[in-house]
Amino acid sequence: MATQFTNQYKMFLSEQPMALQEYAQGVVLPRKYEKDGPSWGLGGVCDGEGRFVELSAYDGGWAAHGGAYPWDEEIYEECEAVYMGLFSRHWGHFLVDDIARLWFFVQHPHRGRQVKLAYLGDEEPDGNFLEFFELLGLEAQQLIHITKPTRFRNVIVPQFACRPCIWYTKEYLSIFDHITDRVREEKYEFNPEVNLQRVYFSRLDFGKAKRTEFGEQMISKWLKANGYMHLPPEQLSLRDQVYIWNHAGTIACLNGSIPINIAFSQNRNLELVVLNKTKLVHKNLELYLLMRPCRMTYIDVYSEPIHGYPKSIGAGPFLLYPGNDLKAYSDANDLCWPFTKSEIAGRYALDFVRLIGAILDVKGRARALAVRLIPDPMKKKLRQLRNAKR
């Protein structure tokens, strides 16, 4: 059954003023994993005396980061740096878990052009991530990847301006507004030959989805039959996507990272159709639906015939198919239903086999890795025990 956003988890806009702390001769520590430490590792900012700055820690609920550790060597940068925290080259995590200190650059644009942005993690930004920073007024040479303890003349630590799945602030929203306003001020236009009345952000060409999401072809067929223009987001610039989110009549997409981009939309008349690929709830999205009111509908397009799968919203694997919920929505809105029952059944059987293959492949790779890690003498002993049981 199609459902709407109801804010069932009571998320809210926090009026709490965001703090900004500065530390002369502050040190930024790179990420370091330790047993029994935070799930995303230690690291963050220490003051000039080596005391950890609690404001630089991150608590996302299901994941946390931050904490000091001893260091012997450090490098020195004769400049000011704003502490960002972790950077992840995963668009959903980037928007949810990484950027909420960047309100500093919205509120202090002049100073922002004169400082560095210090970030941690194992990856470096490229593509749309660099475009995001650029639209905030940051040039690539301002970004510093912290891989060794680094002391700066001054370290600025903005408070993390949201708590995923619980609250957000006007400072957090201002980051997205600033980028959207910049795209509008540039008079940027997406390809005028593309009809944006109905848009589907497709994952059919996305590498990870090919290995973990089975059955999207049938969902795609229904959308095409009803006039949806298919656009792969991974092939679009950030400017393209910001433009589309603010000019499309209807956007359909699978639940996951893609609908979080509604954060860039200032179009309250947008109709958003979120296609659920699992019964697992994507709580992160709910905060962004609260931030950006629109006309939205959830529709279930999944089957979960194997107990314990999908493992999570991120990991999958997922089995998609045009079932009763999609048929009911299609009928209620006088949309085309381009399938026969035999076509749905045949395709479902094919995709079910692919789902089983994905599950066995994951288990097989895990088994192969375990075998490689077992010492040879132990393998010999295990073979002897197995033979003795026969």
Protein backbone atom coordinates (compact mmCIF):
# COMPACT_ATOMS: atom_id res chain seq x y z
CA MET A 1 0.00 0.00 0.00
CA ALA A 2 1.29 3.47 -0.89
CA THR A 3 2.01 5.58 2.20
CA GLN A 4 3.08 9.14 2.97
CA PHE A 5 5.69 10.70 5.24
CA THR A 6 4.24 11.18 8.75
CA ASN A 7 7.35 11.95 10.86
CA GLN A 8 6.59 8.86 12.93
CA TYR A 9 9.97 9.13 14.72
CA LYS A 10 9.27 12.69 15.94
CA MET A 11 12.35 14.26 14.39
CA PHE A 12 12.61 18.02 14.77
CA LEU A 13 14.25 21.34 13.95
CA SER A 14 16.54 22.26 16.85
CA GLU A 15 16.77 25.93 17.82
CA GLN A 16 20.00 25.27 19.72
CA PRO A 17 22.64 27.84 18.64
CA MET A 18 25.65 26.17 17.06
CA ALA A 19 28.97 26.63 18.84
CA LEU A 20 32.24 27.68 17.23
CA GLN A 21 35.50 27.09 19.11
CA GLU A 22 39.03 28.15 18.13
CA TYR A 23 42.33 26.77 19.36
CA ALA A 24 45.67 28.51 18.82
CA GLN A 25 48.35 25.93 17.96
CA GLY A 26 45.66 23.25 17.81
CA VAL A 27 46.50 19.79 16.49
CA VAL A 28 44.39 17.70 14.12
CA LEU A 29 44.91 13.95 14.57
CA PRO A 30 44.27 11.56 11.68
CA ARG A 31 41.91 8.63 12.08
CA LYS A 32 43.31 5.69 13.99
CA TYR A 33 41.46 2.48 14.78
CA GLU A 34 41.94 0.88 18.19
CA LYS A 35 40.36 -2.14 19.81
CA ASP A 36 37.28 -1.11 21.80
CA GLY A 37 37.51 2.39 20.30
CA PRO A 38 34.74 4.20 18.39
CA SER A 39 33.46 2.29 15.35
CA TRP A 40 34.84 4.92 12.95
CA GLY A 41 38.10 5.32 14.85
CA LEU A 42 39.89 7.84 17.03
CA GLY A 43 41.10 11.22 15.80
CA GLY A 44 39.93 14.81 15.80
CA VAL A 45 41.22 18.03 17.35
CA CYS A 46 43.41 18.63 20.39
CA ASP A 47 44.14 22.03 21.86
CA GLY A 48 47.65 23.47 22.06
CA GLU A 49 48.30 21.48 25.25
CA GLY A 50 47.22 18.17 23.77
CA ARG A 51 43.77 17.96 25.39
CA PHE A 52 41.04 16.48 23.20
CA VAL A 53 38.36 18.89 21.98
CA GLU A 54 35.03 17.17 22.57
CA LEU A 55 33.29 19.39 20.01
CA SER A 56 35.34 17.62 17.31
CA ALA A 57 33.85 14.20 18.14
CA TYR A 58 31.02 12.74 16.08
CA ASP A 59 28.10 10.65 17.30
CA GLY A 60 25.78 9.49 14.53
CA GLY A 61 23.94 6.99 16.72
CA TRP A 62 24.89 3.84 14.87
CA ALA A 63 28.48 5.04 14.33
CA ALA A 64 30.85 7.30 16.27
CA HIS A 65 34.26 8.90 15.73
CA GLY A 66 36.71 10.85 17.80
CA GLY A 67 39.22 10.71 20.64
CA ALA A 68 42.87 11.50 21.30
CA TYR A 69 45.80 9.13 21.33
CA PRO A 70 49.54 9.66 21.97
CA TRP A 71 51.72 10.91 19.11
CA ASP A 72 55.46 11.50 18.86
CA GLU A 73 55.88 13.32 15.57
CA GLU A 74 53.84 16.07 13.98
CA ILE A 75 54.02 18.49 11.08
CA TYR A 76 53.28 22.21 11.26
CA GLU A 77 51.13 24.34 8.95
CA GLU A 78 51.42 28.12 9.35
CA CYS A 79 47.75 28.79 8.60
CA GLU A 80 44.23 28.58 9.98
CA ALA A 81 42.21 25.43 9.40
CA VAL A 82 38.54 24.60 9.80
CA TYR A 83 38.00 21.08 11.09
CA MET A 84 35.55 19.09 8.95
CA GLY A 85 35.94 15.60 10.41
CA LEU A 86 35.71 12.44 8.32
CA PHE A 87 35.31 12.47 4.57
CA SER A 88 33.69 9.47 2.88
CA ARG A 89 33.46 9.01 -0.89
CA HIS A 90 29.94 7.68 -0.52
CA TRP A 91 27.35 10.31 -1.39
CA GLY A 92 24.80 9.34 1.24
CA HIS A 93 27.35 9.20 4.08
CA PHE A 94 28.92 12.43 2.82
CA LEU A 95 25.62 14.34 3.14
CA VAL A 96 24.49 12.68 6.37
CA ASP A 97 27.71 12.11 8.33
CA ASP A 98 30.38 14.44 6.94
CA ILE A 99 29.33 17.96 5.96
CA ALA A 100 27.43 19.38 8.94
CA ARG A 101 30.33 21.56 10.14
CA LEU A 102 30.55 23.37 6.80
CA TRP A 103 27.95 25.99 7.85
CA PHE A 104 31.03 28.00 8.86
CA PHE A 105 31.66 28.77 5.17
CA VAL A 106 28.10 30.00 4.71
CA GLN A 107 28.23 32.32 7.72
CA HIS A 108 31.83 33.48 7.22
CA PRO A 109 32.42 33.57 3.44
CA HIS A 110 35.26 36.11 3.53
CA ARG A 111 37.19 34.28 6.23
CA GLY A 112 36.33 30.98 4.55
CA ARG A 113 38.35 31.98 1.48
CA GLN A 114 41.47 32.40 3.62
CA VAL A 115 41.47 29.16 5.61
CA LYS A 116 42.14 25.50 4.90
CA LEU A 117 39.63 22.71 5.39
CA ALA A 118 41.13 19.77 7.30
CA TYR A 119 39.49 16.38 6.76
CA LEU A 120 40.25 12.83 7.92
CA GLY A 121 39.67 9.36 6.51
CA ASP A 122 41.11 7.02 3.91
CA GLU A 123 39.70 8.66 0.78
CA GLU A 124 40.08 11.91 -1.13
CA PRO A 125 37.31 13.92 -2.81
CA ASP A 126 36.84 14.00 -6.56
CA GLY A 127 34.04 14.66 -9.05
CA ASN A 128 30.81 15.84 -7.45
CA PHE A 129 32.46 16.01 -4.03
CA LEU A 130 34.90 18.64 -5.29
CA GLU A 131 32.00 20.40 -7.02
CA PHE A 132 30.16 20.49 -3.69
CA PHE A 133 33.12 22.21 -2.02
CA GLU A 134 33.49 24.58 -4.98
CA LEU A 135 29.84 25.64 -4.76
CA LEU A 136 30.43 26.40 -1.08
CA GLY A 137 33.27 28.73 -2.09
CA LEU A 138 36.18 26.36 -1.43
CA GLU A 139 38.94 25.74 -3.95
CA ALA A 140 40.64 22.35 -4.21
CA GLN A 141 43.94 23.73 -2.86
CA GLN A 142 42.19 24.70 0.38
CA LEU A 143 41.53 21.05 1.22
CA ILE A 144 44.05 19.30 3.47
CA HIS A 145 43.89 15.53 3.93
CA ILE A 146 45.22 14.84 7.42
CA THR A 147 47.32 11.68 7.35
CA LYS A 148 49.80 12.69 10.10
CA PRO A 149 49.26 14.68 13.30
CA THR A 150 49.26 18.30 12.09
CA ARG A 151 49.58 21.44 14.19
CA PHE A 152 48.07 24.63 12.77
CA ARG A 153 48.49 28.25 13.78
CA ASN A 154 44.79 28.16 14.61
CA VAL A 155 42.13 25.45 14.39
CA ILE A 156 38.45 26.36 14.09
CA VAL A 157 35.95 23.72 15.24
CA PRO A 158 32.31 24.33 14.23
CA GLN A 159 29.69 22.23 15.99
CA PHE A 160 28.17 19.39 13.98
CA ALA A 161 24.86 20.96 12.99
CA CYS A 162 22.59 17.91 12.93
CA ARG A 163 22.06 14.60 14.67
CA PRO A 164 21.12 12.00 12.04
CA CYS A 165 17.65 10.54 12.53
CA ILE A 166 16.83 12.98 15.36
CA TRP A 167 17.28 16.72 14.64
CA TYR A 168 18.66 19.31 12.25
CA THR A 169 19.35 23.05 12.49
CA LYS A 170 18.96 26.08 10.26
CA GLU A 171 22.75 26.07 9.99
CA TYR A 172 22.69 22.60 8.46
CA LEU A 173 19.91 23.55 6.07
CA SER A 174 21.84 26.68 5.08
CA ILE A 175 24.59 24.52 3.55
CA PHE A 176 22.15 23.07 1.01
CA ASP A 177 20.39 26.40 0.47
CA HIS A 178 23.72 28.07 -0.27
CA ILE A 179 24.58 25.51 -2.95
CA THR A 180 21.12 25.64 -4.52
CA ASP A 181 21.19 29.45 -4.54
CA ARG A 182 24.63 29.42 -6.18
CA VAL A 183 23.39 27.17 -8.99
CA ARG A 184 20.40 29.45 -9.50
CA GLU A 185 22.57 32.62 -9.45
CA GLU A 186 24.80 31.10 -12.12
CA LYS A 187 21.67 30.70 -14.28
CA TYR A 188 22.74 27.11 -14.77
CA GLU A 189 20.44 25.03 -16.96
CA PHE A 190 20.25 21.29 -17.46
CA ASN A 191 19.85 19.98 -21.01
CA PRO A 192 16.75 21.86 -22.26
CA GLU A 193 15.91 18.97 -24.61
CA VAL A 194 15.22 16.68 -21.64
CA ASN A 195 11.63 16.74 -20.40
CA LEU A 196 11.73 17.02 -16.60
CA GLN A 197 8.01 16.60 -16.01
CA ARG A 198 8.61 13.01 -14.85
CA VAL A 199 12.11 11.87 -13.90
CA TYR A 200 13.38 8.50 -12.71
CA PHE A 201 16.85 8.39 -11.17
CA SER A 202 17.85 4.94 -12.39
CA ARG A 203 20.46 2.63 -10.84
CA LEU A 204 20.54 0.20 -13.78
CA ASP A 205 24.03 1.32 -14.84
CA PHE A 206 25.46 1.69 -11.33
CA GLY A 207 28.16 -0.91 -10.66
CA LYS A 208 27.25 -1.87 -7.08
CA ALA A 209 23.53 -2.06 -7.92
CA LYS A 210 24.26 -4.58 -10.70
CA ARG A 211 25.67 -6.93 -8.05
CA THR A 212 23.11 -6.37 -5.29
CA GLU A 213 19.79 -5.19 -6.80
CA PHE A 214 17.82 -7.57 -9.00
CA GLY A 215 14.60 -6.75 -10.80
CA GLU A 216 14.95 -3.04 -11.44
CA GLN A 217 14.42 -3.69 -15.16
CA MET A 218 10.73 -4.40 -14.48
CA ILE A 219 10.31 -1.26 -12.35
CA SER A 220 12.06 0.68 -15.12
CA LYS A 221 9.66 -0.74 -17.72
CA TRP A 222 6.63 0.48 -15.73
CA LEU A 223 8.16 3.94 -15.34
CA LYS A 224 9.08 4.22 -19.02
CA ALA A 225 5.56 3.17 -20.01
CA ASN A 226 4.31 6.10 -17.93
CA GLY A 227 6.57 8.75 -19.41
CA TYR A 228 9.40 8.89 -16.91
CA MET A 229 12.71 10.14 -18.28
CA HIS A 230 15.48 7.82 -17.00
CA LEU A 231 18.58 9.60 -15.71
CA PRO A 232 21.53 7.87 -13.98
CA PRO A 233 22.63 10.20 -11.13
CA GLU A 234 26.21 8.89 -11.11
CA GLN A 235 26.59 10.30 -14.64
CA LEU A 236 25.26 13.77 -13.72
CA SER A 237 27.15 16.70 -12.26
CA LEU A 238 26.05 18.12 -8.93
CA ARG A 239 24.77 21.21 -10.75
CA ASP A 240 22.69 18.94 -13.00
CA GLN A 241 21.15 17.23 -10.01
CA VAL A 242 20.46 20.43 -8.08
CA TYR A 243 18.74 21.86 -11.16
CA ILE A 244 16.61 18.73 -11.64
CA TRP A 245 15.57 18.56 -7.97
CA ASN A 246 14.33 22.15 -8.25
CA HIS A 247 12.63 21.97 -11.67
CA ALA A 248 11.17 18.46 -12.04
CA GLY A 249 7.43 17.88 -11.68
CA THR A 250 7.76 14.33 -10.33
CA ILE A 251 10.88 12.42 -9.28
CA ALA A 252 10.85 8.66 -8.68
CA CYS A 253 13.79 6.78 -7.21
CA LEU A 254 14.68 3.74 -5.16
CA ASN A 255 15.04 4.32 -1.44
CA GLY A 256 18.63 4.83 -0.35
CA SER A 257 21.10 7.66 -0.94
CA ILE A 258 19.32 9.13 -3.97
CA PRO A 259 16.23 10.61 -2.25
CA ILE A 260 18.45 12.27 0.39
CA ASN A 261 19.27 14.74 -2.40
CA ILE A 262 15.89 16.31 -1.70
CA ALA A 263 17.97 18.39 0.73
CA PHE A 264 18.89 20.54 -2.30
CA SER A 265 15.25 21.03 -3.35
CA GLN A 266 13.40 24.26 -2.58
CA ASN A 267 10.42 23.12 -4.66
CA ARG A 268 7.49 22.42 -2.32
CA ASN A 269 5.36 21.41 -5.31
CA LEU A 270 7.66 18.51 -6.17
CA GLU A 271 6.01 15.09 -6.21
CA LEU A 272 8.49 12.55 -4.86
CA VAL A 273 7.88 8.82 -5.31
CA VAL A 274 10.22 6.72 -3.17
CA LEU A 275 10.30 3.04 -4.12
CA ASN A 276 11.11 0.86 -1.12
CA LYS A 277 13.47 -1.99 -1.98
CA THR A 278 13.21 -3.57 1.49
CA LYS A 279 11.01 -3.60 4.58
CA LEU A 280 14.00 -2.25 6.54
CA VAL A 281 13.28 1.36 7.45
CA HIS A 282 15.59 4.06 6.07
CA LYS A 283 15.37 6.42 9.04
CA ASN A 284 18.00 8.80 7.67
CA LEU A 285 15.70 9.83 4.83
CA GLU A 286 12.93 10.87 7.21
CA LEU A 287 14.98 13.82 8.51
CA TYR A 288 15.40 15.19 4.98
CA LEU A 289 11.71 14.80 4.22
CA LEU A 290 11.06 16.90 7.34
CA MET A 291 13.60 19.50 6.19
CA ARG A 292 12.14 19.75 2.68
CA PRO A 293 8.34 19.37 2.64
CA CYS A 294 6.93 18.10 -0.65
CA ARG A 295 4.20 15.78 -1.93
CA MET A 296 5.76 12.39 -1.35
CA THR A 297 4.68 8.75 -1.53
CA TYR A 298 6.37 5.52 -0.47
CA ILE A 299 5.61 2.44 -2.59
CA ASP A 300 6.86 -1.08 -1.77
CA VAL A 301 8.46 -2.78 -4.79
CA TYR A 302 10.32 -5.60 -3.05
CA SER A 303 10.13 -9.29 -2.28
CA GLU A 304 12.10 -10.83 0.60
CA PRO A 305 11.78 -14.62 0.16
CA ILE A 306 15.06 -15.52 1.94
CA HIS A 307 15.12 -15.08 5.72
CA GLY A 308 17.91 -12.75 6.86
CA TYR A 309 18.27 -10.99 3.50
CA PRO A 310 18.80 -8.20 2.75
CA LYS A 311 21.39 -7.80 5.48
CA SER A 312 20.98 -4.02 5.64
CA ILE A 313 19.78 -1.09 3.56
CA GLY A 314 23.33 -0.57 2.33
CA ALA A 315 24.51 -4.14 1.83
CA GLY A 316 21.52 -5.89 0.26
CA PRO A 317 21.06 -7.99 -1.77
CA PHE A 318 17.59 -6.89 -2.90
CA LEU A 319 14.89 -8.49 -5.04
CA LEU A 320 12.59 -5.97 -6.75
CA TYR A 321 9.38 -6.71 -8.59
CA PRO A 322 6.14 -4.98 -9.65
CA GLY A 323 3.83 -6.43 -7.02
CA ASN A 324 0.43 -5.59 -5.58
CA ASP A 325 1.41 -2.22 -4.08
CA LEU A 326 2.73 -0.89 -7.36
CA LYS A 327 -0.32 -2.26 -9.23
CA ALA A 328 -2.69 -0.56 -6.76
CA TYR A 329 -0.83 2.75 -7.10
CA SER A 330 -0.84 2.42 -10.87
CA ASP A 331 -4.59 1.75 -10.99
CA ALA A 332 -5.42 4.53 -8.50
CA ASN A 333 -3.56 7.06 -10.65
CA ASP A 334 -4.79 5.78 -14.02
CA LEU A 335 -1.29 4.77 -15.08
CA CYS A 336 -0.31 2.19 -17.67
CA TRP A 337 0.38 -1.37 -16.45
CA PRO A 338 2.63 -2.83 -19.18
CA PHE A 339 2.89 -6.41 -17.86
CA THR A 340 1.19 -9.76 -18.20
CA LYS A 341 1.07 -12.09 -15.19
CA SER A 342 3.28 -14.61 -16.99
CA GLU A 343 5.90 -11.92 -17.74
CA ILE A 344 6.05 -10.90 -14.07
CA ALA A 345 6.30 -14.54 -12.95
CA GLY A 346 9.01 -15.38 -15.49
CA ARG A 347 11.13 -12.36 -14.66
CA TYR A 348 10.68 -12.92 -10.93
CA ALA A 349 11.99 -16.48 -11.26
CA LEU A 350 15.04 -15.24 -13.15
CA ASP A 351 15.80 -12.52 -10.61
CA PHE A 352 15.25 -14.92 -7.73
CA VAL A 353 17.99 -17.14 -9.14
CA ARG A 354 20.27 -14.11 -9.40
CA LEU A 355 19.49 -13.24 -5.76
CA ILE A 356 20.45 -16.74 -4.64
CA GLY A 357 23.65 -16.45 -6.68
CA ALA A 358 24.55 -13.18 -4.96
CA ILE A 359 23.96 -14.69 -1.51
CA LEU A 360 26.02 -17.78 -2.31
CA ASP A 361 28.77 -15.64 -3.82
CA VAL A 362 29.07 -13.60 -0.62
CA LYS A 363 29.15 -16.78 1.47
CA GLY A 364 31.58 -18.39 -0.97
CA ARG A 365 33.99 -15.47 -0.84
CA ALA A 366 33.82 -15.46 2.95
CA ARG A 367 34.51 -19.21 2.99
CA ALA A 368 37.42 -18.82 0.56
CA LEU A 369 38.92 -16.06 2.70
CA ALA A 370 38.57 -18.18 5.84
CA VAL A 371 40.29 -21.11 4.10
CA ARG A 372 43.22 -18.87 3.11
CA LEU A 373 43.60 -17.66 6.68
CA ILE A 374 43.70 -21.14 8.26
CA PRO A 375 47.30 -22.33 8.82
CA ASP A 376 48.30 -25.46 6.88
CA PRO A 377 48.79 -27.66 9.98
CA MET A 378 45.26 -26.78 11.13
CA LYS A 379 43.87 -27.57 7.66
CA LYS A 380 45.53 -30.98 7.87
CA LYS A 381 44.00 -31.60 11.30
CA LEU A 382 40.53 -30.55 10.08
CA ARG A 383 40.80 -32.93 7.12
CA GLN A 384 41.75 -35.77 9.50
CA LEU A 385 38.76 -35.02 11.74
CA ARG A 386 36.43 -34.89 8.73
CA ASN A 387 37.72 -38.21 7.38
CA ALA A 388 37.41 -39.83 10.82
CA LYS A 389 33.69 -38.98 10.87
CA ARG A 390 33.05 -40.71 7.55
